[in-house]
Amino acid sequence: MKKVIFVLGVVGLLIACNEKKEEKTIETQEVVKKTDEPSLEEKAELLKEEGYQVFSYQEGDSTYLMQQYYMVFLKSGENRTQDSTETAKLQQQHLAHLERMAVEGYASLIGPFGDDGDIRGIAVYNTKTQKEADSLANLDPMVKAGRLKIEVHPWWTEKGGKLN
């Protein structure tokens, strides 16, 4: 019985030591991640080199990196006469297109409006130019079919910002 208690004690001690080691490893990795991250100025320079429009400004003790995105309004188009089968097919293709834009990193925020107004939804494109956002939005099967039309506007927001 003493051997069993001894073995259990040793196993417990090993597990406890291993957990402490894992915690230290995680803490060390977090410190490395924080110190490896480029500065705000370096981020801005990299984005500019890639062709994005950015600027930074300071307010109090905080500095913000702003980037230009493109707000695409999806509006009711001139051709909304498709039958229910064709509309369902277009909707499926439309959603696949929007998912592709999100997965490939072109669209950051996408969604429909909850009313039945002229503006049906929005997509915020993370592209270098308005022309590129316009071209990608025009690839949408709903737009090609004339069921939707687009309106594109430049929009500034903090790089890495999020909805709360």
N, C-alpha and C. Protein backbone atom coordinates (compact mmCIF):
# COMPACT_ATOMS: atom_id res chain seq x y z
N MET A 1 0.82 -1.18 0.00
CA MET A 1 0.00 0.00 0.00
C MET A 1 0.87 1.26 0.00
N LYS A 2 1.99 1.22 0.74
CA LYS A 2 2.89 2.36 0.77
C LYS A 2 3.46 2.64 -0.62
N LYS A 3 3.73 1.55 -1.39
CA LYS A 3 4.26 1.73 -2.74
C LYS A 3 3.24 2.43 -3.64
N VAL A 4 1.98 2.08 -3.52
CA VAL A 4 0.92 2.67 -4.33
C VAL A 4 0.80 4.16 -4.01
N ILE A 5 0.81 4.49 -2.72
CA ILE A 5 0.72 5.90 -2.31
C ILE A 5 1.94 6.66 -2.81
N PHE A 6 3.11 6.05 -2.71
CA PHE A 6 4.34 6.68 -3.18
C PHE A 6 4.28 6.94 -4.68
N VAL A 7 3.85 5.94 -5.45
CA VAL A 7 3.75 6.07 -6.91
C VAL A 7 2.74 7.16 -7.27
N LEU A 8 1.59 7.16 -6.61
CA LEU A 8 0.59 8.20 -6.87
C LEU A 8 1.14 9.59 -6.54
N GLY A 9 1.88 9.70 -5.46
CA GLY A 9 2.47 10.98 -5.08
C GLY A 9 3.47 11.46 -6.12
N VAL A 10 4.32 10.54 -6.61
CA VAL A 10 5.31 10.90 -7.63
C VAL A 10 4.61 11.33 -8.91
N VAL A 11 3.57 10.58 -9.33
CA VAL A 11 2.82 10.93 -10.54
C VAL A 11 2.18 12.31 -10.38
N GLY A 12 1.57 12.56 -9.23
CA GLY A 12 0.96 13.87 -8.97
C GLY A 12 1.97 14.98 -9.04
N LEU A 13 3.15 14.76 -8.47
CA LEU A 13 4.22 15.75 -8.50
C LEU A 13 4.68 16.02 -9.92
N LEU A 14 4.85 14.96 -10.71
CA LEU A 14 5.26 15.13 -12.11
C LEU A 14 4.23 15.92 -12.90
N ILE A 15 2.95 15.61 -12.69
CA ILE A 15 1.89 16.33 -13.39
C ILE A 15 1.91 17.81 -13.01
N ALA A 16 2.05 18.09 -11.72
CA ALA A 16 2.08 19.47 -11.25
C ALA A 16 3.27 20.22 -11.84
N CYS A 17 4.43 19.60 -11.88
CA CYS A 17 5.63 20.24 -12.44
C CYS A 17 5.44 20.48 -13.94
N ASN A 18 4.86 19.52 -14.63
CA ASN A 18 4.64 19.65 -16.06
C ASN A 18 3.67 20.79 -16.36
N GLU A 19 2.62 20.95 -15.54
CA GLU A 19 1.67 22.04 -15.75
C GLU A 19 2.35 23.38 -15.56
N LYS A 20 3.21 23.49 -14.56
CA LYS A 20 3.95 24.74 -14.33
C LYS A 20 4.85 25.04 -15.53
N LYS A 21 5.49 24.00 -16.07
CA LYS A 21 6.38 24.16 -17.22
C LYS A 21 5.57 24.64 -18.42
N GLU A 22 4.37 24.06 -18.63
CA GLU A 22 3.52 24.48 -19.75
C GLU A 22 3.09 25.93 -19.58
N GLU A 23 2.74 26.34 -18.35
CA GLU A 23 2.35 27.72 -18.10
C GLU A 23 3.50 28.66 -18.43
N LYS A 24 4.73 28.30 -18.03
CA LYS A 24 5.88 29.14 -18.32
C LYS A 24 6.11 29.22 -19.82
N THR A 25 5.95 28.09 -20.52
CA THR A 25 6.14 28.07 -21.97
C THR A 25 5.12 28.98 -22.63
N ILE A 26 3.87 28.92 -22.21
CA ILE A 26 2.82 29.77 -22.77
C ILE A 26 3.13 31.24 -22.50
N GLU A 27 3.54 31.56 -21.25
CA GLU A 27 3.88 32.94 -20.91
C GLU A 27 5.04 33.42 -21.77
N THR A 28 6.06 32.59 -21.97
CA THR A 28 7.22 32.95 -22.78
C THR A 28 6.79 33.19 -24.22
N GLN A 29 5.93 32.32 -24.76
CA GLN A 29 5.47 32.48 -26.13
C GLN A 29 4.70 33.79 -26.28
N GLU A 30 3.88 34.15 -25.29
CA GLU A 30 3.13 35.39 -25.37
C GLU A 30 4.06 36.59 -25.37
N VAL A 31 5.12 36.56 -24.58
CA VAL A 31 6.09 37.64 -24.55
C VAL A 31 6.78 37.75 -25.90
N VAL A 32 7.13 36.61 -26.49
CA VAL A 32 7.78 36.61 -27.80
C VAL A 32 6.84 37.19 -28.85
N LYS A 33 5.57 36.79 -28.83
CA LYS A 33 4.61 37.32 -29.79
C LYS A 33 4.50 38.83 -29.67
N LYS A 34 4.45 39.34 -28.44
CA LYS A 34 4.29 40.77 -28.24
C LYS A 34 5.52 41.53 -28.73
N THR A 35 6.71 41.00 -28.53
CA THR A 35 7.90 41.71 -28.94
C THR A 35 8.20 41.52 -30.43
N ASP A 36 7.67 40.45 -31.07
CA ASP A 36 7.88 40.24 -32.49
C ASP A 36 6.94 41.06 -33.35
N GLU A 37 5.87 41.59 -32.76
CA GLU A 37 4.87 42.33 -33.52
C GLU A 37 5.47 43.65 -33.99
N PRO A 38 5.26 44.00 -35.27
CA PRO A 38 5.81 45.27 -35.78
C PRO A 38 5.16 46.47 -35.10
N SER A 39 5.89 47.54 -35.05
CA SER A 39 5.36 48.78 -34.46
C SER A 39 4.28 49.35 -35.37
N LEU A 40 3.55 50.32 -34.86
CA LEU A 40 2.50 50.97 -35.64
C LEU A 40 3.09 51.61 -36.91
N GLU A 41 4.24 52.23 -36.76
CA GLU A 41 4.90 52.86 -37.90
C GLU A 41 5.31 51.82 -38.94
N GLU A 42 5.81 50.67 -38.47
CA GLU A 42 6.21 49.60 -39.39
C GLU A 42 4.99 49.02 -40.12
N LYS A 43 3.88 48.85 -39.39
CA LYS A 43 2.63 48.37 -40.01
C LYS A 43 2.19 49.35 -41.10
N ALA A 44 2.21 50.63 -40.76
CA ALA A 44 1.79 51.65 -41.72
C ALA A 44 2.66 51.61 -42.97
N GLU A 45 3.95 51.49 -42.77
CA GLU A 45 4.88 51.46 -43.91
C GLU A 45 4.65 50.22 -44.78
N LEU A 46 4.44 49.07 -44.15
CA LEU A 46 4.17 47.84 -44.91
C LEU A 46 2.89 47.97 -45.73
N LEU A 47 1.84 48.51 -45.11
CA LEU A 47 0.58 48.69 -45.82
C LEU A 47 0.75 49.66 -47.00
N LYS A 48 1.48 50.75 -46.79
CA LYS A 48 1.73 51.71 -47.87
C LYS A 48 2.50 51.05 -49.01
N GLU A 49 3.51 50.25 -48.66
CA GLU A 49 4.29 49.55 -49.69
C GLU A 49 3.42 48.60 -50.51
N GLU A 50 2.39 48.02 -49.86
CA GLU A 50 1.48 47.11 -50.56
C GLU A 50 0.43 47.86 -51.37
N GLY A 51 0.36 49.19 -51.21
CA GLY A 51 -0.56 49.99 -52.01
C GLY A 51 -1.83 50.43 -51.30
N TYR A 52 -1.92 50.20 -49.99
CA TYR A 52 -3.11 50.61 -49.24
C TYR A 52 -2.97 52.07 -48.81
N GLN A 53 -4.11 52.74 -48.65
CA GLN A 53 -4.14 54.11 -48.17
C GLN A 53 -4.27 54.08 -46.65
N VAL A 54 -3.30 54.65 -45.95
CA VAL A 54 -3.32 54.67 -44.48
C VAL A 54 -2.80 56.01 -43.96
N PHE A 55 -3.15 56.31 -42.74
CA PHE A 55 -2.54 57.41 -42.00
C PHE A 55 -2.70 57.10 -40.53
N SER A 56 -1.89 57.74 -39.70
CA SER A 56 -2.04 57.55 -38.27
C SER A 56 -2.23 58.92 -37.62
N TYR A 57 -2.93 58.90 -36.51
CA TYR A 57 -3.12 60.13 -35.76
C TYR A 57 -3.09 59.81 -34.28
N GLN A 58 -2.75 60.82 -33.52
CA GLN A 58 -2.63 60.65 -32.08
C GLN A 58 -3.73 61.43 -31.38
N GLU A 59 -4.30 60.76 -30.39
CA GLU A 59 -5.32 61.40 -29.55
C GLU A 59 -4.97 61.04 -28.12
N GLY A 60 -4.56 62.03 -27.36
CA GLY A 60 -4.11 61.76 -25.99
C GLY A 60 -2.87 60.88 -26.01
N ASP A 61 -2.92 59.78 -25.26
CA ASP A 61 -1.79 58.86 -25.20
C ASP A 61 -1.87 57.77 -26.25
N SER A 62 -2.92 57.76 -27.05
CA SER A 62 -3.13 56.68 -28.02
C SER A 62 -2.85 57.15 -29.44
N THR A 63 -2.25 56.26 -30.22
CA THR A 63 -2.03 56.50 -31.64
C THR A 63 -2.85 55.48 -32.42
N TYR A 64 -3.55 55.95 -33.43
CA TYR A 64 -4.43 55.09 -34.22
C TYR A 64 -3.93 55.01 -35.65
N LEU A 65 -3.93 53.80 -36.20
CA LEU A 65 -3.60 53.59 -37.59
C LEU A 65 -4.91 53.43 -38.35
N MET A 66 -5.17 54.36 -39.25
CA MET A 66 -6.41 54.36 -40.01
C MET A 66 -6.13 53.82 -41.41
N GLN A 67 -7.06 53.02 -41.93
CA GLN A 67 -6.93 52.48 -43.27
C GLN A 67 -8.20 52.77 -44.05
N GLN A 68 -8.04 53.01 -45.34
CA GLN A 68 -9.20 53.22 -46.20
C GLN A 68 -9.71 51.87 -46.69
N TYR A 69 -10.97 51.64 -46.45
CA TYR A 69 -11.69 50.47 -46.96
C TYR A 69 -12.73 51.00 -47.94
N TYR A 70 -13.52 50.10 -48.50
CA TYR A 70 -14.56 50.52 -49.44
C TYR A 70 -15.89 49.91 -49.04
N MET A 71 -16.83 50.78 -48.73
CA MET A 71 -18.18 50.38 -48.34
C MET A 71 -18.97 50.19 -49.62
N VAL A 72 -19.43 48.95 -49.82
CA VAL A 72 -20.23 48.64 -51.00
C VAL A 72 -21.67 48.47 -50.56
N PHE A 73 -22.53 49.33 -51.07
CA PHE A 73 -23.97 49.21 -50.82
C PHE A 73 -24.56 48.34 -51.92
N LEU A 74 -25.23 47.28 -51.52
CA LEU A 74 -25.94 46.41 -52.47
C LEU A 74 -27.38 46.89 -52.51
N LYS A 75 -27.77 47.42 -53.65
CA LYS A 75 -29.08 48.04 -53.79
C LYS A 75 -29.95 47.23 -54.74
N SER A 76 -31.25 47.41 -54.63
CA SER A 76 -32.18 46.74 -55.55
C SER A 76 -31.84 47.13 -56.98
N GLY A 77 -31.71 46.12 -57.84
CA GLY A 77 -31.38 46.38 -59.24
C GLY A 77 -32.62 46.56 -60.09
N GLU A 78 -32.39 46.81 -61.37
CA GLU A 78 -33.48 47.06 -62.31
C GLU A 78 -34.19 45.78 -62.74
N ASN A 79 -33.51 44.64 -62.66
CA ASN A 79 -34.10 43.38 -63.14
C ASN A 79 -34.40 42.46 -61.96
N ARG A 80 -35.59 42.58 -61.41
CA ARG A 80 -36.00 41.74 -60.28
C ARG A 80 -37.19 40.87 -60.68
N THR A 81 -37.21 40.46 -61.95
CA THR A 81 -38.34 39.71 -62.49
C THR A 81 -38.09 38.20 -62.54
N GLN A 82 -36.99 37.73 -61.98
CA GLN A 82 -36.68 36.30 -62.03
C GLN A 82 -37.75 35.53 -61.26
N ASP A 83 -38.02 34.30 -61.73
CA ASP A 83 -38.97 33.46 -60.99
C ASP A 83 -38.30 32.94 -59.72
N SER A 84 -39.09 32.30 -58.86
CA SER A 84 -38.58 31.87 -57.54
C SER A 84 -37.43 30.87 -57.66
N THR A 85 -37.46 30.02 -58.67
CA THR A 85 -36.38 29.04 -58.85
C THR A 85 -35.08 29.74 -59.22
N GLU A 86 -35.16 30.67 -60.16
CA GLU A 86 -33.98 31.42 -60.59
C GLU A 86 -33.48 32.31 -59.45
N THR A 87 -34.38 32.93 -58.71
CA THR A 87 -34.00 33.78 -57.58
C THR A 87 -33.27 32.95 -56.51
N ALA A 88 -33.76 31.77 -56.22
CA ALA A 88 -33.11 30.89 -55.23
C ALA A 88 -31.72 30.50 -55.69
N LYS A 89 -31.58 30.21 -56.97
CA LYS A 89 -30.27 29.84 -57.53
C LYS A 89 -29.31 31.03 -57.45
N LEU A 90 -29.80 32.20 -57.81
CA LEU A 90 -28.96 33.41 -57.72
C LEU A 90 -28.56 33.71 -56.29
N GLN A 91 -29.49 33.52 -55.36
CA GLN A 91 -29.20 33.77 -53.94
C GLN A 91 -28.09 32.85 -53.45
N GLN A 92 -28.16 31.59 -53.85
CA GLN A 92 -27.12 30.62 -53.46
C GLN A 92 -25.76 31.04 -54.04
N GLN A 93 -25.75 31.45 -55.30
CA GLN A 93 -24.50 31.90 -55.94
C GLN A 93 -24.00 33.20 -55.30
N HIS A 94 -24.92 34.08 -54.95
CA HIS A 94 -24.60 35.35 -54.30
C HIS A 94 -23.90 35.09 -52.96
N LEU A 95 -24.47 34.20 -52.15
CA LEU A 95 -23.88 33.87 -50.85
C LEU A 95 -22.52 33.20 -51.02
N ALA A 96 -22.37 32.36 -52.02
CA ALA A 96 -21.07 31.72 -52.29
C ALA A 96 -20.03 32.76 -52.68
N HIS A 97 -20.44 33.74 -53.47
CA HIS A 97 -19.53 34.82 -53.87
C HIS A 97 -19.08 35.62 -52.64
N LEU A 98 -20.04 35.98 -51.79
CA LEU A 98 -19.70 36.76 -50.60
C LEU A 98 -18.80 35.96 -49.65
N GLU A 99 -19.07 34.67 -49.52
CA GLU A 99 -18.22 33.83 -48.68
C GLU A 99 -16.80 33.78 -49.24
N ARG A 100 -16.70 33.66 -50.55
CA ARG A 100 -15.37 33.65 -51.19
C ARG A 100 -14.63 34.96 -50.92
N MET A 101 -15.34 36.08 -51.03
CA MET A 101 -14.72 37.39 -50.77
C MET A 101 -14.19 37.45 -49.33
N ALA A 102 -14.94 36.90 -48.39
CA ALA A 102 -14.51 36.89 -46.99
C ALA A 102 -13.33 35.95 -46.78
N VAL A 103 -13.42 34.75 -47.31
CA VAL A 103 -12.36 33.74 -47.13
C VAL A 103 -11.04 34.23 -47.74
N GLU A 104 -11.12 34.87 -48.90
CA GLU A 104 -9.91 35.34 -49.57
C GLU A 104 -9.41 36.67 -49.02
N GLY A 105 -10.13 37.23 -48.03
CA GLY A 105 -9.66 38.43 -47.35
C GLY A 105 -10.04 39.73 -48.03
N TYR A 106 -10.87 39.68 -49.05
CA TYR A 106 -11.28 40.91 -49.74
C TYR A 106 -12.38 41.65 -49.01
N ALA A 107 -13.27 40.93 -48.34
CA ALA A 107 -14.38 41.57 -47.64
C ALA A 107 -14.26 41.30 -46.15
N SER A 108 -14.38 42.36 -45.37
CA SER A 108 -14.20 42.26 -43.93
C SER A 108 -15.51 42.20 -43.16
N LEU A 109 -16.54 42.77 -43.71
CA LEU A 109 -17.82 42.87 -43.02
C LEU A 109 -18.90 42.77 -44.09
N ILE A 110 -19.82 41.82 -43.92
CA ILE A 110 -20.84 41.58 -44.94
C ILE A 110 -22.16 41.30 -44.25
N GLY A 111 -23.25 41.83 -44.79
CA GLY A 111 -24.55 41.46 -44.24
C GLY A 111 -25.70 42.21 -44.87
N PRO A 112 -26.89 41.60 -44.77
CA PRO A 112 -28.09 42.23 -45.30
C PRO A 112 -28.69 43.20 -44.29
N PHE A 113 -29.52 44.10 -44.79
CA PHE A 113 -30.31 44.96 -43.90
C PHE A 113 -31.58 44.24 -43.53
N GLY A 114 -32.17 44.61 -42.42
CA GLY A 114 -33.33 43.92 -41.90
C GLY A 114 -34.66 44.47 -42.37
N ASP A 115 -34.62 45.49 -43.20
CA ASP A 115 -35.88 46.01 -43.71
C ASP A 115 -36.01 45.67 -45.20
N ASP A 116 -37.03 46.17 -45.83
CA ASP A 116 -37.27 45.87 -47.23
C ASP A 116 -37.03 47.11 -48.09
N GLY A 117 -36.00 47.87 -47.72
CA GLY A 117 -35.71 49.12 -48.43
C GLY A 117 -34.91 48.89 -49.71
N ASP A 118 -34.55 49.99 -50.34
CA ASP A 118 -33.79 49.95 -51.58
C ASP A 118 -32.38 49.40 -51.37
N ILE A 119 -31.77 49.75 -50.23
CA ILE A 119 -30.43 49.22 -49.92
C ILE A 119 -30.64 47.87 -49.25
N ARG A 120 -30.17 46.82 -49.90
CA ARG A 120 -30.44 45.45 -49.46
C ARG A 120 -29.38 44.94 -48.48
N GLY A 121 -28.15 45.45 -48.59
CA GLY A 121 -27.08 45.01 -47.70
C GLY A 121 -25.81 45.78 -47.96
N ILE A 122 -24.76 45.41 -47.20
CA ILE A 122 -23.45 46.05 -47.38
C ILE A 122 -22.35 44.99 -47.38
N ALA A 123 -21.24 45.39 -47.94
CA ALA A 123 -20.00 44.62 -47.86
C ALA A 123 -18.87 45.64 -47.75
N VAL A 124 -17.99 45.47 -46.77
CA VAL A 124 -16.84 46.35 -46.63
C VAL A 124 -15.64 45.62 -47.22
N TYR A 125 -15.11 46.19 -48.30
CA TYR A 125 -14.00 45.56 -49.01
C TYR A 125 -12.67 46.11 -48.52
N ASN A 126 -11.73 45.21 -48.32
CA ASN A 126 -10.36 45.53 -47.91
C ASN A 126 -9.48 45.38 -49.14
N THR A 127 -9.55 46.40 -50.01
CA THR A 127 -8.77 46.39 -51.25
C THR A 127 -7.92 47.64 -51.32
N LYS A 128 -7.00 47.64 -52.26
CA LYS A 128 -6.08 48.77 -52.39
C LYS A 128 -6.74 49.96 -53.06
N THR A 129 -7.68 49.68 -53.96
CA THR A 129 -8.31 50.77 -54.70
C THR A 129 -9.82 50.59 -54.77
N GLN A 130 -10.50 51.69 -55.06
CA GLN A 130 -11.94 51.65 -55.24
C GLN A 130 -12.28 50.84 -56.50
N LYS A 131 -11.45 50.95 -57.51
CA LYS A 131 -11.68 50.21 -58.75
C LYS A 131 -11.66 48.70 -58.49
N GLU A 132 -10.73 48.24 -57.64
CA GLU A 132 -10.66 46.82 -57.31
C GLU A 132 -11.90 46.37 -56.54
N ALA A 133 -12.35 47.17 -55.58
CA ALA A 133 -13.56 46.84 -54.82
C ALA A 133 -14.76 46.79 -55.76
N ASP A 134 -14.85 47.75 -56.66
CA ASP A 134 -15.95 47.80 -57.63
C ASP A 134 -15.93 46.56 -58.52
N SER A 135 -14.76 46.19 -59.00
CA SER A 135 -14.64 45.00 -59.87
C SER A 135 -15.06 43.73 -59.15
N LEU A 136 -14.61 43.57 -57.91
CA LEU A 136 -14.96 42.37 -57.14
C LEU A 136 -16.46 42.33 -56.85
N ALA A 137 -17.03 43.47 -56.49
CA ALA A 137 -18.46 43.52 -56.19
C ALA A 137 -19.28 43.22 -57.44
N ASN A 138 -18.80 43.64 -58.60
CA ASN A 138 -19.52 43.39 -59.85
C ASN A 138 -19.43 41.93 -60.31
N LEU A 139 -18.58 41.13 -59.67
CA LEU A 139 -18.52 39.70 -59.98
C LEU A 139 -19.68 38.93 -59.34
N ASP A 140 -20.38 39.56 -58.42
CA ASP A 140 -21.50 38.93 -57.72
C ASP A 140 -22.57 38.52 -58.75
N PRO A 141 -22.98 37.26 -58.75
CA PRO A 141 -24.01 36.80 -59.70
C PRO A 141 -25.32 37.60 -59.63
N MET A 142 -25.70 38.08 -58.45
CA MET A 142 -26.90 38.90 -58.33
C MET A 142 -26.74 40.23 -59.07
N VAL A 143 -25.52 40.77 -59.03
CA VAL A 143 -25.24 42.02 -59.73
C VAL A 143 -25.21 41.77 -61.23
N LYS A 144 -24.56 40.69 -61.63
CA LYS A 144 -24.50 40.35 -63.06
C LYS A 144 -25.90 40.14 -63.64
N ALA A 145 -26.80 39.56 -62.85
CA ALA A 145 -28.16 39.30 -63.31
C ALA A 145 -29.04 40.55 -63.27
N GLY A 146 -28.53 41.63 -62.66
CA GLY A 146 -29.30 42.86 -62.58
C GLY A 146 -30.27 42.91 -61.40
N ARG A 147 -30.27 41.87 -60.59
CA ARG A 147 -31.16 41.85 -59.43
C ARG A 147 -30.66 42.83 -58.35
N LEU A 148 -29.35 43.00 -58.29
CA LEU A 148 -28.73 43.98 -57.40
C LEU A 148 -27.85 44.90 -58.22
N LYS A 149 -27.65 46.10 -57.73
CA LYS A 149 -26.65 47.01 -58.28
C LYS A 149 -25.82 47.50 -57.11
N ILE A 150 -24.64 47.99 -57.40
CA ILE A 150 -23.74 48.39 -56.32
C ILE A 150 -23.47 49.89 -56.36
N GLU A 151 -23.11 50.37 -55.18
CA GLU A 151 -22.66 51.75 -55.01
C GLU A 151 -21.47 51.66 -54.05
N VAL A 152 -20.31 52.17 -54.47
CA VAL A 152 -19.07 52.01 -53.69
C VAL A 152 -18.59 53.37 -53.18
N HIS A 153 -18.24 53.40 -51.88
CA HIS A 153 -17.73 54.63 -51.25
C HIS A 153 -16.48 54.32 -50.44
N PRO A 154 -15.46 55.20 -50.51
CA PRO A 154 -14.30 55.04 -49.63
C PRO A 154 -14.73 55.25 -48.18
N TRP A 155 -14.15 54.48 -47.28
CA TRP A 155 -14.53 54.54 -45.86
C TRP A 155 -13.28 54.32 -45.02
N TRP A 156 -13.06 55.19 -44.06
CA TRP A 156 -11.90 55.10 -43.18
C TRP A 156 -12.31 54.50 -41.83
N THR A 157 -11.48 53.62 -41.31
CA THR A 157 -11.66 53.11 -39.96
C THR A 157 -10.30 52.64 -39.44
N GLU A 158 -10.24 52.43 -38.14
CA GLU A 158 -9.00 51.98 -37.52
C GLU A 158 -8.62 50.59 -37.99
N LYS A 159 -7.38 50.41 -38.39
CA LYS A 159 -6.87 49.11 -38.82
C LYS A 159 -6.98 48.15 -37.63
N GLY A 160 -7.61 47.02 -37.87
CA GLY A 160 -7.78 46.03 -36.81
C GLY A 160 -8.93 46.32 -35.87
N GLY A 161 -9.69 47.38 -36.14
CA GLY A 161 -10.84 47.70 -35.29
C GLY A 161 -11.88 46.59 -35.37
N LYS A 162 -12.79 46.60 -34.41
CA LYS A 162 -13.82 45.57 -34.40
C LYS A 162 -15.13 46.17 -33.92
N LEU A 163 -16.20 45.47 -34.24
CA LEU A 163 -17.51 45.88 -33.77
C LEU A 163 -17.67 45.49 -32.30
N ASN A 164 -18.28 46.34 -31.53
CA ASN A 164 -18.54 46.02 -30.13
C ASN A 164 -20.03 45.86 -29.92
